[in-house]
Protein backbone atom coordinates (compact mmCIF):
# COMPACT_ATOMS: atom_id res chain seq x y z
CA UNK A 1 21.14 -26.05 -137.28
CA UNK A 2 24.57 -27.45 -136.36
CA UNK A 3 27.64 -25.33 -136.90
CA UNK A 4 29.04 -27.63 -139.59
CA UNK A 5 25.81 -27.50 -141.62
CA UNK A 6 25.65 -23.73 -141.43
CA UNK A 7 29.28 -23.42 -142.53
CA UNK A 8 28.50 -25.72 -145.47
CA UNK A 9 25.66 -23.38 -146.42
CA UNK A 10 28.03 -20.39 -146.11
CA UNK A 11 30.44 -22.11 -148.50
CA UNK A 12 27.59 -22.85 -150.91
CA UNK A 13 26.37 -19.25 -150.72
CA UNK A 14 29.83 -17.90 -151.44
CA UNK A 15 30.30 -20.33 -154.35
CA UNK A 16 26.96 -19.17 -155.79
CA UNK A 17 27.86 -15.50 -155.35
CA UNK A 18 25.33 -14.92 -152.57
CA UNK A 19 27.77 -12.92 -150.46
CA UNK A 20 25.12 -11.01 -148.43
CA UNK A 21 23.46 -14.27 -147.40
CA UNK A 22 26.83 -15.77 -146.43
CA UNK A 23 27.64 -12.65 -144.42
CA UNK A 24 24.33 -12.84 -142.58
CA UNK A 25 24.83 -16.51 -141.74
CA UNK A 26 28.33 -15.80 -140.44
CA UNK A 27 27.09 -12.87 -138.35
CA UNK A 28 24.56 -15.20 -136.76
CA UNK A 29 27.26 -17.78 -136.08
CA UNK A 30 29.57 -15.21 -134.51
CA UNK A 31 26.68 -14.08 -132.34
CA UNK A 32 26.07 -17.67 -131.24
CA UNK A 33 29.76 -18.57 -130.90
CA UNK A 34 31.54 -15.30 -129.99
CA UNK A 35 34.69 -17.09 -128.80
CA UNK A 36 35.26 -18.93 -132.10
CA UNK A 37 38.05 -16.98 -133.79
CA UNK A 38 37.76 -19.06 -136.97
CA UNK A 39 34.21 -17.75 -137.49
CA UNK A 40 35.40 -14.18 -136.92
CA UNK A 41 38.18 -14.74 -139.47
CA UNK A 42 35.67 -16.09 -142.03
CA UNK A 43 33.43 -13.08 -141.46
CA UNK A 44 36.42 -10.76 -142.00
CA UNK A 45 37.11 -12.54 -145.30
CA UNK A 46 33.53 -11.87 -146.43
CA UNK A 47 33.86 -8.19 -145.53
CA UNK A 48 37.03 -8.06 -147.60
CA UNK A 49 34.91 -9.20 -150.56
CA UNK A 50 32.73 -6.15 -149.91
CA UNK A 51 35.79 -3.89 -149.73
CA UNK A 52 35.01 -3.01 -146.11
CA UNK A 53 38.40 -2.78 -144.33
CA UNK A 54 36.89 -1.37 -141.12
CA UNK A 55 34.57 -4.35 -140.72
CA UNK A 56 37.30 -6.79 -141.72
CA UNK A 57 39.49 -5.17 -139.06
CA UNK A 58 36.66 -5.45 -136.57
CA UNK A 59 36.38 -9.19 -136.97
CA UNK A 60 40.17 -9.76 -137.20
CA UNK A 61 40.91 -7.57 -134.18
CA UNK A 62 41.59 -10.56 -131.92
CA UNK A 63 44.00 -12.21 -134.37
CA UNK A 64 47.75 -11.69 -134.15
CA UNK A 65 48.18 -11.82 -137.94
CA UNK A 66 45.65 -9.05 -138.55
CA UNK A 67 46.24 -6.41 -141.19
CA UNK A 68 47.43 -3.09 -139.74
CA UNK A 69 45.44 -1.03 -142.27
CA UNK A 70 42.23 -2.91 -141.42
CA UNK A 71 42.88 -2.48 -137.70
CA UNK A 72 43.39 1.26 -138.22
CA UNK A 73 40.19 1.45 -140.25
CA UNK A 74 38.32 -0.36 -137.46
CA UNK A 75 39.72 1.98 -134.81
CA UNK A 76 38.87 4.94 -137.03
CA UNK A 77 35.25 3.87 -137.38
CA UNK A 78 34.87 3.01 -133.70
CA UNK A 79 36.69 5.95 -132.12
CA UNK A 80 36.18 5.23 -128.44
CA UNK A 81 36.91 2.18 -126.33
CA UNK A 82 33.20 1.75 -125.44
CA UNK A 83 32.30 1.75 -129.14
CA UNK A 84 35.03 -0.82 -129.82
CA UNK A 85 33.86 -2.94 -126.91
CA UNK A 86 30.31 -3.04 -128.30
CA UNK A 87 31.56 -3.64 -131.86
CA UNK A 88 33.67 -6.65 -130.89
CA UNK A 89 30.51 -8.42 -129.69
CA UNK A 90 32.38 -10.57 -127.19
CA UNK A 91 30.47 -12.40 -124.48
CA UNK A 92 31.81 -13.71 -121.20
CA UNK A 93 35.23 -13.24 -119.65
CA UNK A 94 38.43 -12.82 -121.64
CA UNK A 95 39.57 -16.21 -120.38
CA UNK A 96 37.24 -17.81 -122.95
CA UNK A 97 39.45 -16.50 -125.75
CA UNK A 98 41.44 -19.35 -127.28
CA UNK A 99 44.71 -17.42 -127.69
CA UNK A 100 46.85 -15.30 -125.41
CA UNK A 101 46.85 -12.47 -127.95
CA UNK A 102 43.03 -12.41 -128.06
CA UNK A 103 42.82 -12.42 -124.26
CA UNK A 104 45.26 -9.50 -124.10
CA UNK A 105 43.35 -7.52 -126.74
CA UNK A 106 40.04 -8.08 -124.99
CA UNK A 107 41.49 -7.14 -121.61
CA UNK A 108 43.01 -3.95 -123.07
CA UNK A 109 39.72 -2.87 -124.68
CA UNK A 110 37.79 -3.60 -121.47
CA UNK A 111 40.33 -1.67 -119.36
CA UNK A 112 40.20 1.29 -121.76
CA UNK A 113 36.40 1.24 -121.62
CA UNK A 114 36.45 1.12 -117.81
CA UNK A 115 38.76 4.13 -117.78
CA UNK A 116 36.54 6.02 -120.22
CA UNK A 117 33.38 5.29 -118.24
CA UNK A 118 34.93 5.82 -114.85
CA UNK A 119 33.80 2.50 -113.43
CA UNK A 120 34.59 -1.17 -114.01
CA UNK A 121 32.77 -2.83 -116.90
CA UNK A 122 32.71 -6.39 -118.16
CA UNK A 123 31.80 -8.02 -121.45
CA UNK A 124 28.34 -9.06 -120.27
CA UNK A 125 27.38 -5.51 -119.28
CA UNK A 126 28.77 -3.42 -122.11
CA UNK A 127 27.63 0.18 -121.51
CA UNK A 128 25.03 1.70 -123.80
CA UNK A 129 26.05 4.25 -126.39
CA UNK A 130 24.73 7.26 -124.48
CA UNK A 131 26.24 6.19 -121.19
CA UNK A 132 29.55 5.15 -122.66
CA UNK A 133 30.16 7.96 -125.09
CA UNK A 134 28.73 10.85 -123.07
CA UNK A 135 26.35 11.80 -125.89
CA UNK A 136 23.40 12.39 -123.64
CA UNK A 137 23.15 16.14 -123.37
CA UNK A 138 20.98 18.44 -121.33
CA UNK A 139 19.75 20.11 -124.52
CA UNK A 140 18.60 16.77 -126.00
CA UNK A 141 16.78 15.97 -122.77
CA UNK A 142 15.16 19.41 -122.83
CA UNK A 143 13.97 18.91 -126.42
CA UNK A 144 12.51 15.51 -125.59
CA UNK A 145 10.66 16.91 -122.58
CA UNK A 146 9.40 19.90 -124.55
CA UNK A 147 8.14 17.61 -127.30
CA UNK A 148 6.21 15.53 -124.79
CA UNK A 149 4.75 18.66 -123.21
CA UNK A 150 3.58 19.99 -126.60
CA UNK A 151 1.96 16.63 -127.39
CA UNK A 152 0.09 16.59 -124.06
CA UNK A 153 -1.08 20.20 -124.50
CA UNK A 154 -2.28 19.48 -128.06
CA UNK A 155 -4.21 16.44 -126.81
CA UNK A 156 -5.83 18.51 -124.04
CA UNK A 157 -6.74 21.29 -126.48
CA UNK A 158 -8.43 18.81 -128.81
CA UNK A 159 -10.25 17.21 -125.87
CA UNK A 160 -11.49 20.55 -124.51
CA UNK A 161 -12.57 21.62 -128.01
CA UNK A 162 -14.55 18.39 -128.38
CA UNK A 163 -16.12 18.84 -124.95
CA UNK A 164 -17.17 22.43 -125.78
CA UNK A 165 -18.62 21.31 -129.13
CA UNK A 166 -20.60 18.58 -127.38
CA UNK A 167 -22.47 21.08 -125.18
CA UNK A 168 -23.11 23.73 -127.87
């Protein structure tokens, strides 16, 4: 469906009070057109209707006239640069951004993420949550391995029990 038709449906949804549907349509449009700041602005407006300043700040982050409280709420929800990089859902190089301010913001977030990760990253290879945030712990890996081992041992016990019962 062309962009103009989808935006007309968004307007119709908002006029009819179908805010969740309008939000979902706009999220799809932002996903398809990540460099369109007007779509991001419209999505921020919908999140304001929900009373979600962090999400409004997320989608207005690349705009110079953004609200400082919303930006703070966004940065509070997405504490680390890798989380912010994933949340911004940008695709391609910063040079695709239509404004100098947006290009600077994107470059700053990418640089902060590269520093946090310890290696260069770009918008097309945003690091995963575990890799970026250092959440992967040895204890979690141990628990996962132990769980797999218990499952295999239980399967073998059931199999041996069935085999013994077969020959009795």
